[in-house]
């Protein structure tokens, strides 16, 4: 039995989603964020030294990191589903998006979250204008233009096919879901990029996506 160490409002939601797409039996071990800090609880360090989610255990094997978990699941249990055939251009695209989601796209989104929090953080009145000015400068000069460039790039990529790896839905779409949901929640992704919004609507319409929400509980992008 696969055990998903599921942290509320986190990347582990997409692990549940892929398991539902695969029709795999699994058990959820629930972990709750600290309501004040929103950090993962110390109990997760007993599963993996970094104390982060997602983490799964499969027998004696422990696998961490979203991309590694999704690849492990489709390679071991997918029976050819949700991954393009090796050696094809689609498989190369699949592998690219599996790494791009966290390696490239999440970085500016995370920076925006951090600097948004700096602007809202309680601090002495004399420091607040300085902190807000620095945060606004970094976001305006670097973070926001970077996010816009990524979203323009992704909008253009989806003109070639309905899904990121090609004509068929794959685990790469599962991997891309979290950063694009984050972009829609807090980074300006809207109907000005119709292909990306259509992709999100089709993702949210998948029955397995809804089953994963039922199993994992309420899910929202924090920040």
C-alpha atoms as a PDB file:
ATOM      1  CA  UNK A   1       0.000   0.000   0.000  1.00  0.00           C
ATOM      2  CA  UNK A   2       1.351   3.405  -0.990  1.00  0.00           C
ATOM      3  CA  UNK A   3       1.194   5.957   1.826  1.00  0.00           C
ATOM      4  CA  UNK A   4       0.967   9.628   0.867  1.00  0.00           C
ATOM      5  CA  UNK A   5       2.173  11.974   3.581  1.00  0.00           C
ATOM      6  CA  UNK A   6      -0.270  14.714   2.722  1.00  0.00           C
ATOM      7  CA  UNK A   7       0.205  18.279   3.923  1.00  0.00           C
ATOM      8  CA  UNK A   8      -2.880  20.473   3.656  1.00  0.00           C
ATOM      9  CA  UNK A   9      -2.759  23.150   0.925  1.00  0.00           C
ATOM     10  CA  UNK A  10       0.406  21.784  -0.624  1.00  0.00           C
ATOM     11  CA  UNK A  11       1.995  20.134  -3.638  1.00  0.00           C
ATOM     12  CA  UNK A  12       1.020  16.727  -2.300  1.00  0.00           C
ATOM     13  CA  UNK A  13      -2.462  17.309  -3.741  1.00  0.00           C
ATOM     14  CA  UNK A  14      -1.147  16.536  -7.223  1.00  0.00           C
ATOM     15  CA  UNK A  15       0.267  13.208  -5.986  1.00  0.00           C
ATOM     16  CA  UNK A  16      -3.234  12.235  -4.876  1.00  0.00           C
ATOM     17  CA  UNK A  17      -4.514  13.351  -8.269  1.00  0.00           C
ATOM     18  CA  UNK A  18      -2.091  11.132 -10.200  1.00  0.00           C
ATOM     19  CA  UNK A  19      -2.895   8.163  -7.962  1.00  0.00           C
ATOM     20  CA  UNK A  20      -6.574   8.699  -8.724  1.00  0.00           C
ATOM     21  CA  UNK A  21      -5.798   8.872 -12.456  1.00  0.00           C
ATOM     22  CA  UNK A  22      -3.906   5.585 -12.131  1.00  0.00           C
ATOM     23  CA  UNK A  23      -6.669   3.978 -10.084  1.00  0.00           C
ATOM     24  CA  UNK A  24      -4.106   2.989  -7.459  1.00  0.00           C
ATOM     25  CA  UNK A  25      -5.019   2.106  -3.884  1.00  0.00           C
ATOM     26  CA  UNK A  26      -3.307   4.341  -1.350  1.00  0.00           C
ATOM     27  CA  UNK A  27      -3.562   5.570   2.210  1.00  0.00           C
ATOM     28  CA  UNK A  28      -3.306   9.188   3.333  1.00  0.00           C
ATOM     29  CA  UNK A  29      -1.251  10.138   6.370  1.00  0.00           C
ATOM     30  CA  UNK A  30      -2.421  13.660   7.139  1.00  0.00           C
ATOM     31  CA  UNK A  31      -0.173  16.470   8.347  1.00  0.00           C
ATOM     32  CA  UNK A  32      -1.473  19.938   9.208  1.00  0.00           C
ATOM     33  CA  UNK A  33       0.373  23.211   8.784  1.00  0.00           C
ATOM     34  CA  UNK A  34       1.024  25.371  11.820  1.00  0.00           C
ATOM     35  CA  UNK A  35      -1.886  27.867  11.711  1.00  0.00           C
ATOM     36  CA  UNK A  36       0.392  30.795  12.584  1.00  0.00           C
ATOM     37  CA  UNK A  37       3.524  30.092  10.552  1.00  0.00           C
ATOM     38  CA  UNK A  38       1.877  27.883   7.890  1.00  0.00           C
ATOM     39  CA  UNK A  39       4.957  25.650   8.076  1.00  0.00           C
ATOM     40  CA  UNK A  40       4.870  21.859   7.960  1.00  0.00           C
ATOM     41  CA  UNK A  41       4.797  20.105  11.352  1.00  0.00           C
ATOM     42  CA  UNK A  42       7.955  18.499  12.807  1.00  0.00           C
ATOM     43  CA  UNK A  43       6.337  15.064  12.409  1.00  0.00           C
ATOM     44  CA  UNK A  44       7.213  15.115   8.710  1.00  0.00           C
ATOM     45  CA  UNK A  45      10.914  14.994   9.604  1.00  0.00           C
ATOM     46  CA  UNK A  46      10.342  11.461  10.837  1.00  0.00           C
ATOM     47  CA  UNK A  47       9.400  10.510   7.278  1.00  0.00           C
ATOM     48  CA  UNK A  48      12.099  12.495   5.449  1.00  0.00           C
ATOM     49  CA  UNK A  49      14.954  14.557   6.960  1.00  0.00           C
ATOM     50  CA  UNK A  50      13.859  17.774   5.227  1.00  0.00           C
ATOM     51  CA  UNK A  51      10.391  17.571   6.745  1.00  0.00           C
ATOM     52  CA  UNK A  52       8.714  18.646   3.511  1.00  0.00           C
ATOM     53  CA  UNK A  53       5.715  17.431   1.537  1.00  0.00           C
ATOM     54  CA  UNK A  54       5.044  15.613  -0.699  1.00  0.00           C
ATOM     55  CA  UNK A  55       6.598  12.376   0.454  1.00  0.00           C
ATOM     56  CA  UNK A  56       5.356   8.878  -0.223  1.00  0.00           C
ATOM     57  CA  UNK A  57       6.336   5.525   1.166  1.00  0.00           C
ATOM     58  CA  UNK A  58       5.929   2.351  -0.863  1.00  0.00           C
ATOM     59  CA  UNK A  59       6.880  -0.560   1.338  1.00  0.00           C
ATOM     60  CA  UNK A  60      10.406   0.183   2.571  1.00  0.00           C
ATOM     61  CA  UNK A  61      10.987   2.822  -0.119  1.00  0.00           C
ATOM     62  CA  UNK A  62      10.612   6.538   0.604  1.00  0.00           C
ATOM     63  CA  UNK A  63      10.332   8.975  -2.316  1.00  0.00           C
ATOM     64  CA  UNK A  64      10.313  12.772  -1.982  1.00  0.00           C
ATOM     65  CA  UNK A  65      10.004  15.676  -4.461  1.00  0.00           C
ATOM     66  CA  UNK A  66       6.936  16.066  -6.643  1.00  0.00           C
ATOM     67  CA  UNK A  67       8.585  15.306  -9.972  1.00  0.00           C
ATOM     68  CA  UNK A  68      10.438  12.272  -8.647  1.00  0.00           C
ATOM     69  CA  UNK A  69       7.259  10.909  -7.054  1.00  0.00           C
ATOM     70  CA  UNK A  70       5.169  11.344 -10.200  1.00  0.00           C
ATOM     71  CA  UNK A  71       7.844   9.753 -12.385  1.00  0.00           C
ATOM     72  CA  UNK A  72       8.208   6.857  -9.948  1.00  0.00           C
ATOM     73  CA  UNK A  73       4.468   6.211  -9.937  1.00  0.00           C
ATOM     74  CA  UNK A  74       3.999   6.210 -13.723  1.00  0.00           C
ATOM     75  CA  UNK A  75       7.176   4.201 -14.347  1.00  0.00           C
ATOM     76  CA  UNK A  76       6.370   1.536 -11.769  1.00  0.00           C
ATOM     77  CA  UNK A  77       2.596   1.373 -11.923  1.00  0.00           C
ATOM     78  CA  UNK A  78       1.473   3.240 -15.020  1.00  0.00           C
ATOM     79  CA  UNK A  79       1.812   0.376 -17.527  1.00  0.00           C
ATOM     80  CA  UNK A  80       2.488   2.932 -20.242  1.00  0.00           C
ATOM     81  CA  UNK A  81      -0.226   5.351 -19.183  1.00  0.00           C
ATOM     82  CA  UNK A  82       0.336   9.079 -18.701  1.00  0.00           C
ATOM     83  CA  UNK A  83       3.824   9.093 -20.213  1.00  0.00           C
ATOM     84  CA  UNK A  84       4.678   9.328 -23.936  1.00  0.00           C
ATOM     85  CA  UNK A  85       6.661   6.547 -25.549  1.00  0.00           C
ATOM     86  CA  UNK A  86      10.392   6.760 -24.898  1.00  0.00           C
ATOM     87  CA  UNK A  87      12.356   8.048 -27.879  1.00  0.00           C
ATOM     88  CA  UNK A  88       9.577  10.249 -29.233  1.00  0.00           C
ATOM     89  CA  UNK A  89       9.538  14.066 -29.362  1.00  0.00           C
ATOM     90  CA  UNK A  90       6.566  13.927 -27.007  1.00  0.00           C
ATOM     91  CA  UNK A  91       8.618  12.085 -24.402  1.00  0.00           C
ATOM     92  CA  UNK A  92      11.320  14.742 -24.584  1.00  0.00           C
ATOM     93  CA  UNK A  93       8.672  17.432 -24.041  1.00  0.00           C
ATOM     94  CA  UNK A  94       7.222  15.397 -21.186  1.00  0.00           C
ATOM     95  CA  UNK A  95      10.598  15.197 -19.455  1.00  0.00           C
ATOM     96  CA  UNK A  96      11.203  18.911 -20.013  1.00  0.00           C
ATOM     97  CA  UNK A  97       7.927  19.995 -18.411  1.00  0.00           C
ATOM     98  CA  UNK A  98       8.413  17.598 -15.512  1.00  0.00           C
ATOM     99  CA  UNK A  99      11.584  19.514 -14.604  1.00  0.00           C
ATOM    100  CA  UNK A 100      10.554  22.982 -15.770  1.00  0.00           C
ATOM    101  CA  UNK A 101       7.567  23.191 -13.403  1.00  0.00           C
ATOM    102  CA  UNK A 102       9.675  23.376 -10.236  1.00  0.00           C
ATOM    103  CA  UNK A 103      13.093  24.171 -11.696  1.00  0.00           C
ATOM    104  CA  UNK A 104      12.099  27.311 -13.640  1.00  0.00           C
ATOM    105  CA  UNK A 105       8.478  28.326 -13.180  1.00  0.00           C
ATOM    106  CA  UNK A 106       8.106  28.075  -9.403  1.00  0.00           C
ATOM    107  CA  UNK A 107      11.158  30.230  -8.639  1.00  0.00           C
ATOM    108  CA  UNK A 108       9.702  33.619  -9.609  1.00  0.00           C
ATOM    109  CA  UNK A 109       6.301  32.622  -8.217  1.00  0.00           C
ATOM    110  CA  UNK A 110       7.915  31.845  -4.868  1.00  0.00           C
ATOM    111  CA  UNK A 111       9.840  35.109  -4.944  1.00  0.00           C
ATOM    112  CA  UNK A 112       6.604  36.995  -5.521  1.00  0.00           C
ATOM    113  CA  UNK A 113       5.024  35.235  -2.547  1.00  0.00           C
ATOM    114  CA  UNK A 114       8.009  36.148  -0.337  1.00  0.00           C
ATOM    115  CA  UNK A 115       8.036  39.822  -1.312  1.00  0.00           C
ATOM    116  CA  UNK A 116       4.244  40.042  -1.041  1.00  0.00           C
ATOM    117  CA  UNK A 117       4.603  38.807   2.526  1.00  0.00           C
ATOM    118  CA  UNK A 118       7.372  41.334   3.211  1.00  0.00           C
ATOM    119  CA  UNK A 119       5.008  44.129   2.194  1.00  0.00           C
ATOM    120  CA  UNK A 120       2.310  42.824   4.553  1.00  0.00           C
ATOM    121  CA  UNK A 121       4.519  41.800   7.473  1.00  0.00           C
ATOM    122  CA  UNK A 122       4.157  43.642  10.799  1.00  0.00           C
ATOM    123  CA  UNK A 123       7.188  45.816  11.544  1.00  0.00           C
ATOM    124  CA  UNK A 124       8.069  49.143  13.179  1.00  0.00           C
ATOM    125  CA  UNK A 125       6.360  52.063  11.428  1.00  0.00           C
ATOM    126  CA  UNK A 126       9.658  53.658  10.425  1.00  0.00           C
ATOM    127  CA  UNK A 127      10.831  50.471   8.697  1.00  0.00           C
ATOM    128  CA  UNK A 128       7.654  49.674   6.784  1.00  0.00           C
ATOM    129  CA  UNK A 129       8.046  52.298   3.992  1.00  0.00           C
ATOM    130  CA  UNK A 130      11.605  51.107   3.363  1.00  0.00           C
ATOM    131  CA  UNK A 131      10.632  47.421   3.291  1.00  0.00           C
ATOM    132  CA  UNK A 132       7.676  48.108   0.992  1.00  0.00           C
ATOM    133  CA  UNK A 133       9.817  50.198  -1.343  1.00  0.00           C
ATOM    134  CA  UNK A 134      12.482  47.488  -1.602  1.00  0.00           C
ATOM    135  CA  UNK A 135       9.861  44.762  -2.182  1.00  0.00           C
ATOM    136  CA  UNK A 136       8.095  46.824  -4.839  1.00  0.00           C
ATOM    137  CA  UNK A 137      11.384  47.569  -6.589  1.00  0.00           C
ATOM    138  CA  UNK A 138      12.416  43.916  -6.729  1.00  0.00           C
ATOM    139  CA  UNK A 139       8.986  42.808  -7.922  1.00  0.00           C
ATOM    140  CA  UNK A 140       8.720  45.526 -10.538  1.00  0.00           C
ATOM    141  CA  UNK A 141      12.243  45.196 -11.920  1.00  0.00           C
ATOM    142  CA  UNK A 142      12.708  41.435 -11.774  1.00  0.00           C
ATOM    143  CA  UNK A 143       9.953  39.206 -10.404  1.00  0.00           C
ATOM    144  CA  UNK A 144       6.887  40.402 -12.327  1.00  0.00           C
ATOM    145  CA  UNK A 145       8.623  40.668 -15.732  1.00  0.00           C
ATOM    146  CA  UNK A 146      10.010  37.169 -15.220  1.00  0.00           C
ATOM    147  CA  UNK A 147       6.565  35.751 -14.464  1.00  0.00           C
ATOM    148  CA  UNK A 148       5.088  37.520 -17.482  1.00  0.00           C
ATOM    149  CA  UNK A 149       7.791  36.035 -19.709  1.00  0.00           C
ATOM    150  CA  UNK A 150       7.050  32.538 -18.440  1.00  0.00           C
ATOM    151  CA  UNK A 151       3.293  32.908 -18.897  1.00  0.00           C
ATOM    152  CA  UNK A 152       3.735  34.260 -22.430  1.00  0.00           C
ATOM    153  CA  UNK A 153       6.008  31.328 -23.211  1.00  0.00           C
ATOM    154  CA  UNK A 154       3.537  28.781 -21.863  1.00  0.00           C
ATOM    155  CA  UNK A 155       0.611  30.377 -23.679  1.00  0.00           C
ATOM    156  CA  UNK A 156       2.571  30.016 -26.909  1.00  0.00           C
ATOM    157  CA  UNK A 157       3.500  26.402 -26.217  1.00  0.00           C
ATOM    158  CA  UNK A 158      -0.131  25.365 -25.874  1.00  0.00           C
ATOM    159  CA  UNK A 159      -0.907  26.496 -29.396  1.00  0.00           C
ATOM    160  CA  UNK A 160       0.780  23.294 -30.603  1.00  0.00           C
ATOM    161  CA  UNK A 161      -1.326  20.782 -28.629  1.00  0.00           C
ATOM    162  CA  UNK A 162      -4.011  20.535 -25.963  1.00  0.00           C
ATOM    163  CA  UNK A 163      -1.639  19.160 -23.324  1.00  0.00           C
ATOM    164  CA  UNK A 164       1.940  20.025 -22.430  1.00  0.00           C
ATOM    165  CA  UNK A 165       3.593  16.868 -23.738  1.00  0.00           C
ATOM    166  CA  UNK A 166       1.415  16.625 -26.844  1.00  0.00           C
ATOM    167  CA  UNK A 167      -2.086  15.589 -27.801  1.00  0.00           C
ATOM    168  CA  UNK A 168      -2.534  13.293 -24.779  1.00  0.00           C
ATOM    169  CA  UNK A 169      -2.836  14.141 -21.096  1.00  0.00           C
ATOM    170  CA  UNK A 170       0.256  13.043 -19.141  1.00  0.00           C
ATOM    171  CA  UNK A 171       1.904  13.255 -15.732  1.00  0.00           C
ATOM    172  CA  UNK A 172       3.584  16.426 -17.012  1.00  0.00           C
ATOM    173  CA  UNK A 173       0.191  18.132 -16.860  1.00  0.00           C
ATOM    174  CA  UNK A 174      -0.193  16.972 -13.268  1.00  0.00           C
ATOM    175  CA  UNK A 175       3.236  18.406 -12.468  1.00  0.00           C
ATOM    176  CA  UNK A 176       2.463  21.715 -14.182  1.00  0.00           C
ATOM    177  CA  UNK A 177      -0.841  22.126 -12.347  1.00  0.00           C
ATOM    178  CA  UNK A 178       0.518  23.525  -9.083  1.00  0.00           C
ATOM    179  CA  UNK A 179       2.574  26.429 -10.492  1.00  0.00           C
ATOM    180  CA  UNK A 180      -0.160  27.388 -12.927  1.00  0.00           C
ATOM    181  CA  UNK A 181      -2.802  27.302 -10.207  1.00  0.00           C
ATOM    182  CA  UNK A 182      -0.439  29.476  -8.151  1.00  0.00           C
ATOM    183  CA  UNK A 183      -0.066  31.860 -11.092  1.00  0.00           C
ATOM    184  CA  UNK A 184      -3.843  32.112 -11.411  1.00  0.00           C
ATOM    185  CA  UNK A 185      -4.248  32.691  -7.667  1.00  0.00           C
ATOM    186  CA  UNK A 186      -1.571  35.316  -7.100  1.00  0.00           C
ATOM    187  CA  UNK A 187       0.457  36.172 -10.186  1.00  0.00           C
ATOM    188  CA  UNK A 188      -1.896  37.579 -12.785  1.00  0.00           C
ATOM    189  CA  UNK A 189      -2.800  34.555 -14.903  1.00  0.00           C
ATOM    190  CA  UNK A 190      -6.254  35.374 -16.293  1.00  0.00           C
ATOM    191  CA  UNK A 191      -8.355  35.333 -19.447  1.00  0.00           C
ATOM    192  CA  UNK A 192      -5.799  37.441 -21.286  1.00  0.00           C
ATOM    193  CA  UNK A 193      -4.065  34.075 -21.828  1.00  0.00           C
ATOM    194  CA  UNK A 194      -6.992  31.955 -23.046  1.00  0.00           C
ATOM    195  CA  UNK A 195      -5.039  28.776 -23.818  1.00  0.00           C
ATOM    196  CA  UNK A 196      -3.674  28.534 -20.292  1.00  0.00           C
ATOM    197  CA  UNK A 197      -7.067  29.268 -18.780  1.00  0.00           C
ATOM    198  CA  UNK A 198      -8.679  26.646 -21.015  1.00  0.00           C
ATOM    199  CA  UNK A 199      -6.012  24.150 -19.925  1.00  0.00           C
ATOM    200  CA  UNK A 200      -6.780  24.888 -16.264  1.00  0.00           C
ATOM    201  CA  UNK A 201     -10.508  24.431 -16.864  1.00  0.00           C
ATOM    202  CA  UNK A 202      -9.902  21.055 -18.514  1.00  0.00           C
ATOM    203  CA  UNK A 203      -7.634  20.015 -15.649  1.00  0.00           C
ATOM    204  CA  UNK A 204     -10.263  20.978 -13.089  1.00  0.00           C
ATOM    205  CA  UNK A 205     -12.937  19.085 -15.027  1.00  0.00           C
ATOM    206  CA  UNK A 206     -11.155  15.731 -14.836  1.00  0.00           C
ATOM    207  CA  UNK A 207     -13.016  13.264 -12.578  1.00  0.00           C
ATOM    208  CA  UNK A 208      -9.763  12.096 -10.974  1.00  0.00           C
ATOM    209  CA  UNK A 209      -8.941  15.678 -10.016  1.00  0.00           C
ATOM    210  CA  UNK A 210     -12.258  15.900  -8.153  1.00  0.00           C
ATOM    211  CA  UNK A 211     -11.747  12.530  -6.478  1.00  0.00           C
ATOM    212  CA  UNK A 212      -8.337  13.696  -5.251  1.00  0.00           C
ATOM    213  CA  UNK A 213      -9.908  16.806  -3.712  1.00  0.00           C
ATOM    214  CA  UNK A 214     -12.491  14.643  -1.975  1.00  0.00           C
ATOM    215  CA  UNK A 215      -9.717  12.488  -0.529  1.00  0.00           C
ATOM    216  CA  UNK A 216      -7.250  15.260   0.309  1.00  0.00           C
ATOM    217  CA  UNK A 217      -9.683  17.817   1.679  1.00  0.00           C
ATOM    218  CA  UNK A 218      -9.908  21.571   0.992  1.00  0.00           C
ATOM    219  CA  UNK A 219      -7.127  22.855  -1.244  1.00  0.00           C
ATOM    220  CA  UNK A 220      -6.119  26.420  -1.971  1.00  0.00           C
ATOM    221  CA  UNK A 221      -2.943  28.175  -3.008  1.00  0.00           C
ATOM    222  CA  UNK A 222      -1.560  29.969   0.044  1.00  0.00           C
ATOM    223  CA  UNK A 223      -0.452  33.576  -0.078  1.00  0.00           C
END
